[in-house]
Amino acid sequence: MIRKIVVTLFILVCFILQCSVFNSLALAGIIPNLMIILTSAFGFMRGEKEGLIIGFFCGLLSDIFYGSFLGFYALVLMYIGFVNGKFSRVFYPEDIKLPIALIVASDLTYGILCYILMFLLRSKFHFSFYFTGVILPEALYTIVVTIFLYPVILKVNEKLEEGERRREQKFV
């Protein structure tokens, strides 16, 4: 129960930060995607199911406030969380290379999927412009924010797991 409350607060806080603080810190109109960071981080820390669920709710929140179609971002982030969850078997908390690589790959995938499904299907064929002007700068900005946000997510997850282990030992 505590985990659900903390994760819900994380989703809300990251969404509010993305919409307010980072919106005012936009570089050339580009803001980091905190929803990708959160979905990917919990995916590879906790597994496919948790990544899928958190991705769905992060995406649904994005759909409600920014989406043209209800469910588009939810579906994309849900898949990203699920795929990141596949890497939970090779995740080591002290190694930051895998999380950064997965978050960058997730952000690039997110940007390319958004381009394909929202622009390419409407006959807008400026992929090189979109890639160099939107996708790549967003990925770089997301990397910088990941360096600061990921350790916070990791520490909170470790505290939650420690509390869960203590509660399990009380029942045994």
C-alpha atoms as a PDB file:
ATOM      1  CA  MET A   1       0.000   0.000   0.000  1.00  0.00           C
ATOM      2  CA  ILE A   2       2.827   2.386   0.883  1.00  0.00           C
ATOM      3  CA  ARG A   3       4.522   1.630  -2.448  1.00  0.00           C
ATOM      4  CA  LYS A   4       1.370   2.539  -4.373  1.00  0.00           C
ATOM      5  CA  ILE A   5       1.055   5.846  -2.558  1.00  0.00           C
ATOM      6  CA  VAL A   6       4.733   6.723  -3.062  1.00  0.00           C
ATOM      7  CA  VAL A   7       4.667   5.788  -6.768  1.00  0.00           C
ATOM      8  CA  THR A   8       1.477   7.809  -7.271  1.00  0.00           C
ATOM      9  CA  LEU A   9       3.140  10.796  -5.605  1.00  0.00           C
ATOM     10  CA  PHE A  10       6.225  10.316  -7.794  1.00  0.00           C
ATOM     11  CA  ILE A  11       4.073  10.298 -10.933  1.00  0.00           C
ATOM     12  CA  LEU A  12       2.193  13.436  -9.868  1.00  0.00           C
ATOM     13  CA  VAL A  13       5.310  15.313  -8.747  1.00  0.00           C
ATOM     14  CA  CYS A  14       7.228  14.464 -11.922  1.00  0.00           C
ATOM     15  CA  PHE A  15       4.266  15.470 -14.075  1.00  0.00           C
ATOM     16  CA  ILE A  16       3.865  18.766 -12.230  1.00  0.00           C
ATOM     17  CA  LEU A  17       7.619  19.438 -12.478  1.00  0.00           C
ATOM     18  CA  GLN A  18       7.564  18.651 -16.189  1.00  0.00           C
ATOM     19  CA  CYS A  19       4.595  20.952 -16.775  1.00  0.00           C
ATOM     20  CA  SER A  20       5.705  23.857 -14.628  1.00  0.00           C
ATOM     21  CA  VAL A  21       9.353  24.059 -13.598  1.00  0.00           C
ATOM     22  CA  PHE A  22      10.918  22.426 -16.634  1.00  0.00           C
ATOM     23  CA  ASN A  23       8.489  24.190 -18.949  1.00  0.00           C
ATOM     24  CA  SER A  24       9.997  27.479 -17.789  1.00  0.00           C
ATOM     25  CA  LEU A  25      13.508  25.985 -18.129  1.00  0.00           C
ATOM     26  CA  ALA A  26      12.907  24.910 -21.725  1.00  0.00           C
ATOM     27  CA  LEU A  27      15.910  25.149 -24.028  1.00  0.00           C
ATOM     28  CA  ALA A  28      14.782  26.084 -27.542  1.00  0.00           C
ATOM     29  CA  GLY A  29      11.309  24.835 -26.657  1.00  0.00           C
ATOM     30  CA  ILE A  30      12.623  21.427 -25.559  1.00  0.00           C
ATOM     31  CA  ILE A  31      11.886  20.025 -22.100  1.00  0.00           C
ATOM     32  CA  PRO A  32      13.104  16.757 -20.591  1.00  0.00           C
ATOM     33  CA  ASN A  33      10.640  13.893 -20.458  1.00  0.00           C
ATOM     34  CA  LEU A  34      10.339  13.029 -16.768  1.00  0.00           C
ATOM     35  CA  MET A  35       7.608  10.494 -17.522  1.00  0.00           C
ATOM     36  CA  ILE A  36      10.117   8.459 -19.565  1.00  0.00           C
ATOM     37  CA  ILE A  37      12.668   8.630 -16.748  1.00  0.00           C
ATOM     38  CA  LEU A  38      10.120   7.464 -14.191  1.00  0.00           C
ATOM     39  CA  THR A  39       8.656   4.713 -16.364  1.00  0.00           C
ATOM     40  CA  SER A  40      12.037   3.368 -17.428  1.00  0.00           C
ATOM     41  CA  ALA A  41      13.552   3.549 -13.949  1.00  0.00           C
ATOM     42  CA  PHE A  42      10.730   1.695 -12.243  1.00  0.00           C
ATOM     43  CA  GLY A  43      10.573  -0.739 -15.145  1.00  0.00           C
ATOM     44  CA  PHE A  44      14.131  -1.974 -14.839  1.00  0.00           C
ATOM     45  CA  MET A  45      14.151  -1.695 -11.047  1.00  0.00           C
ATOM     46  CA  ARG A  46      10.904  -3.565 -10.413  1.00  0.00           C
ATOM     47  CA  GLY A  47      10.167  -5.620 -13.548  1.00  0.00           C
ATOM     48  CA  GLU A  48       7.803  -5.777 -16.488  1.00  0.00           C
ATOM     49  CA  LYS A  49       4.524  -5.584 -14.594  1.00  0.00           C
ATOM     50  CA  GLU A  50       5.455  -2.510 -12.557  1.00  0.00           C
ATOM     51  CA  GLY A  51       6.996  -0.805 -15.604  1.00  0.00           C
ATOM     52  CA  LEU A  52       3.863  -1.496 -17.614  1.00  0.00           C
ATOM     53  CA  ILE A  53       1.535  -0.157 -14.916  1.00  0.00           C
ATOM     54  CA  ILE A  54       3.574   2.960 -14.194  1.00  0.00           C
ATOM     55  CA  GLY A  55       4.003   3.598 -17.920  1.00  0.00           C
ATOM     56  CA  PHE A  56       0.264   3.338 -18.419  1.00  0.00           C
ATOM     57  CA  PHE A  57      -0.543   5.855 -15.685  1.00  0.00           C
ATOM     58  CA  CYS A  58       2.233   8.260 -16.731  1.00  0.00           C
ATOM     59  CA  GLY A  59       1.005   8.072 -20.303  1.00  0.00           C
ATOM     60  CA  LEU A  60      -2.633   8.433 -19.309  1.00  0.00           C
ATOM     61  CA  LEU A  61      -1.808  11.580 -17.368  1.00  0.00           C
ATOM     62  CA  SER A  62       0.039  12.929 -20.420  1.00  0.00           C
ATOM     63  CA  ASP A  63      -2.900  11.979 -22.648  1.00  0.00           C
ATOM     64  CA  ILE A  64      -5.408  13.752 -20.457  1.00  0.00           C
ATOM     65  CA  PHE A  65      -3.488  17.016 -20.392  1.00  0.00           C
ATOM     66  CA  TYR A  66      -1.605  17.062 -23.710  1.00  0.00           C
ATOM     67  CA  GLY A  67      -2.732  14.271 -25.989  1.00  0.00           C
ATOM     68  CA  SER A  68      -4.720  14.535 -29.163  1.00  0.00           C
ATOM     69  CA  PHE A  69      -5.931  10.973 -28.731  1.00  0.00           C
ATOM     70  CA  LEU A  70      -6.790   9.417 -25.399  1.00  0.00           C
ATOM     71  CA  GLY A  71      -4.576   6.395 -24.882  1.00  0.00           C
ATOM     72  CA  PHE A  72      -1.778   7.144 -27.351  1.00  0.00           C
ATOM     73  CA  TYR A  73       0.886   8.157 -24.810  1.00  0.00           C
ATOM     74  CA  ALA A  74      -0.447   5.568 -22.368  1.00  0.00           C
ATOM     75  CA  LEU A  75       0.124   2.815 -24.911  1.00  0.00           C
ATOM     76  CA  VAL A  76       3.587   4.035 -25.907  1.00  0.00           C
ATOM     77  CA  LEU A  77       4.793   4.485 -22.315  1.00  0.00           C
ATOM     78  CA  MET A  78       3.213   1.201 -21.303  1.00  0.00           C
ATOM     79  CA  TYR A  79       5.295  -0.645 -23.895  1.00  0.00           C
ATOM     80  CA  ILE A  80       8.410   1.301 -22.919  1.00  0.00           C
ATOM     81  CA  GLY A  81       7.913   0.351 -19.265  1.00  0.00           C
ATOM     82  CA  PHE A  82       7.351  -3.283 -20.201  1.00  0.00           C
ATOM     83  CA  VAL A  83      10.473  -3.493 -22.369  1.00  0.00           C
ATOM     84  CA  ASN A  84      12.572  -1.794 -19.674  1.00  0.00           C
ATOM     85  CA  GLY A  85      11.225  -4.319 -17.211  1.00  0.00           C
ATOM     86  CA  LYS A  86      12.870  -7.062 -19.261  1.00  0.00           C
ATOM     87  CA  PHE A  87      16.216  -5.662 -18.107  1.00  0.00           C
ATOM     88  CA  SER A  88      15.429  -6.058 -14.397  1.00  0.00           C
ATOM     89  CA  ARG A  89      17.385  -9.317 -14.369  1.00  0.00           C
ATOM     90  CA  VAL A  90      20.630  -7.529 -15.291  1.00  0.00           C
ATOM     91  CA  PHE A  91      20.000  -4.397 -13.196  1.00  0.00           C
ATOM     92  CA  TYR A  92      22.543  -3.521 -10.525  1.00  0.00           C
ATOM     93  CA  PRO A  93      21.746  -0.470  -8.378  1.00  0.00           C
ATOM     94  CA  GLU A  94      25.339   0.746  -8.158  1.00  0.00           C
ATOM     95  CA  ASP A  95      25.817   0.789 -11.963  1.00  0.00           C
ATOM     96  CA  ILE A  96      24.439   3.922 -13.624  1.00  0.00           C
ATOM     97  CA  LYS A  97      25.466   3.033 -17.189  1.00  0.00           C
ATOM     98  CA  LEU A  98      22.568   0.650 -17.852  1.00  0.00           C
ATOM     99  CA  PRO A  99      19.883   3.028 -16.532  1.00  0.00           C
ATOM    100  CA  ILE A 100      21.208   5.931 -18.579  1.00  0.00           C
ATOM    101  CA  ALA A 101      21.497   3.790 -21.714  1.00  0.00           C
ATOM    102  CA  LEU A 102      17.968   2.436 -21.264  1.00  0.00           C
ATOM    103  CA  ILE A 103      16.478   5.855 -20.576  1.00  0.00           C
ATOM    104  CA  VAL A 104      18.184   7.330 -23.661  1.00  0.00           C
ATOM    105  CA  ALA A 105      17.027   4.398 -25.798  1.00  0.00           C
ATOM    106  CA  SER A 106      13.512   4.757 -24.376  1.00  0.00           C
ATOM    107  CA  ASP A 107      13.434   8.489 -25.086  1.00  0.00           C
ATOM    108  CA  LEU A 108      14.698   8.006 -28.633  1.00  0.00           C
ATOM    109  CA  THR A 109      12.147   5.236 -29.195  1.00  0.00           C
ATOM    110  CA  TYR A 110       9.400   7.424 -27.760  1.00  0.00           C
ATOM    111  CA  GLY A 111      10.349  10.301 -30.059  1.00  0.00           C
ATOM    112  CA  ILE A 112      10.552   8.099 -33.147  1.00  0.00           C
ATOM    113  CA  LEU A 113       7.230   6.401 -32.370  1.00  0.00           C
ATOM    114  CA  CYS A 114       5.576   9.781 -31.853  1.00  0.00           C
ATOM    115  CA  TYR A 115       6.995  10.974 -35.160  1.00  0.00           C
ATOM    116  CA  ILE A 116       5.844   7.889 -37.050  1.00  0.00           C
ATOM    117  CA  LEU A 117       2.369   7.740 -35.555  1.00  0.00           C
ATOM    118  CA  MET A 118       1.625  11.463 -35.369  1.00  0.00           C
ATOM    119  CA  PHE A 119       3.483  13.060 -38.276  1.00  0.00           C
ATOM    120  CA  LEU A 120       4.547  10.475 -40.831  1.00  0.00           C
ATOM    121  CA  LEU A 121       1.032   9.088 -41.158  1.00  0.00           C
ATOM    122  CA  ARG A 122      -0.103  12.631 -41.991  1.00  0.00           C
ATOM    123  CA  SER A 123       2.462  12.835 -44.842  1.00  0.00           C
ATOM    124  CA  LYS A 124       4.947  15.060 -43.030  1.00  0.00           C
ATOM    125  CA  PHE A 125       8.292  13.644 -44.156  1.00  0.00           C
ATOM    126  CA  HIS A 126      10.761  15.915 -42.350  1.00  0.00           C
ATOM    127  CA  PHE A 127      12.349  13.215 -40.209  1.00  0.00           C
ATOM    128  CA  SER A 128      15.868  14.674 -40.221  1.00  0.00           C
ATOM    129  CA  PHE A 129      14.513  18.047 -39.097  1.00  0.00           C
ATOM    130  CA  TYR A 130      12.349  16.445 -36.405  1.00  0.00           C
ATOM    131  CA  PHE A 131      15.173  14.161 -35.252  1.00  0.00           C
ATOM    132  CA  THR A 132      17.808  16.905 -34.956  1.00  0.00           C
ATOM    133  CA  GLY A 133      15.398  19.596 -33.768  1.00  0.00           C
ATOM    134  CA  VAL A 134      13.219  17.687 -31.293  1.00  0.00           C
ATOM    135  CA  ILE A 135      14.123  14.048 -30.615  1.00  0.00           C
ATOM    136  CA  LEU A 136      17.892  14.380 -30.098  1.00  0.00           C
ATOM    137  CA  PRO A 137      17.810  17.587 -27.995  1.00  0.00           C
ATOM    138  CA  GLU A 138      15.060  16.106 -25.806  1.00  0.00           C
ATOM    139  CA  ALA A 139      17.133  12.949 -25.305  1.00  0.00           C
ATOM    140  CA  LEU A 140      20.197  15.002 -24.324  1.00  0.00           C
ATOM    141  CA  TYR A 141      18.217  17.179 -21.930  1.00  0.00           C
ATOM    142  CA  THR A 142      16.631  14.043 -20.468  1.00  0.00           C
ATOM    143  CA  ILE A 143      20.105  12.554 -19.878  1.00  0.00           C
ATOM    144  CA  VAL A 144      21.156  15.612 -17.883  1.00  0.00           C
ATOM    145  CA  VAL A 145      18.018  15.477 -15.740  1.00  0.00           C
ATOM    146  CA  THR A 146      18.386  11.688 -15.348  1.00  0.00           C
ATOM    147  CA  ILE A 147      21.787  12.151 -13.719  1.00  0.00           C
ATOM    148  CA  PHE A 148      20.091  14.103 -10.917  1.00  0.00           C
ATOM    149  CA  LEU A 149      16.661  12.426 -10.738  1.00  0.00           C
ATOM    150  CA  TYR A 150      17.688   8.774 -11.051  1.00  0.00           C
ATOM    151  CA  PRO A 151      19.599   8.605  -7.723  1.00  0.00           C
ATOM    152  CA  VAL A 152      16.518   9.988  -5.958  1.00  0.00           C
ATOM    153  CA  ILE A 153      14.275   7.347  -7.541  1.00  0.00           C
ATOM    154  CA  LEU A 154      16.830   4.649  -6.693  1.00  0.00           C
ATOM    155  CA  LYS A 155      17.069   5.673  -3.017  1.00  0.00           C
ATOM    156  CA  VAL A 156      13.284   5.802  -2.640  1.00  0.00           C
ATOM    157  CA  ASN A 157      12.956   2.381  -4.279  1.00  0.00           C
ATOM    158  CA  GLU A 158      15.628   0.932  -1.965  1.00  0.00           C
ATOM    159  CA  LYS A 159      13.850   2.345   1.106  1.00  0.00           C
ATOM    160  CA  LEU A 160      10.537   0.906  -0.085  1.00  0.00           C
ATOM    161  CA  GLU A 161      12.096  -2.520  -0.693  1.00  0.00           C
ATOM    162  CA  GLU A 162      13.759  -2.424   2.718  1.00  0.00           C
ATOM    163  CA  GLY A 163      10.430  -1.625   4.364  1.00  0.00           C
ATOM    164  CA  GLU A 164       8.722  -4.428   2.417  1.00  0.00           C
ATOM    165  CA  ARG A 165      11.376  -6.916   3.537  1.00  0.00           C
ATOM    166  CA  ARG A 166      10.927  -5.880   7.177  1.00  0.00           C
ATOM    167  CA  ARG A 167       7.151  -6.281   6.939  1.00  0.00           C
ATOM    168  CA  GLU A 168       7.552  -9.715   5.337  1.00  0.00           C
ATOM    169  CA  GLN A 169       9.865 -10.832   8.153  1.00  0.00           C
ATOM    170  CA  LYS A 170       7.272  -9.845  10.729  1.00  0.00           C
ATOM    171  CA  PHE A 171       4.784 -12.266   9.158  1.00  0.00           C
ATOM    172  CA  VAL A 172       7.232 -15.182   9.067  1.00  0.00           C
END
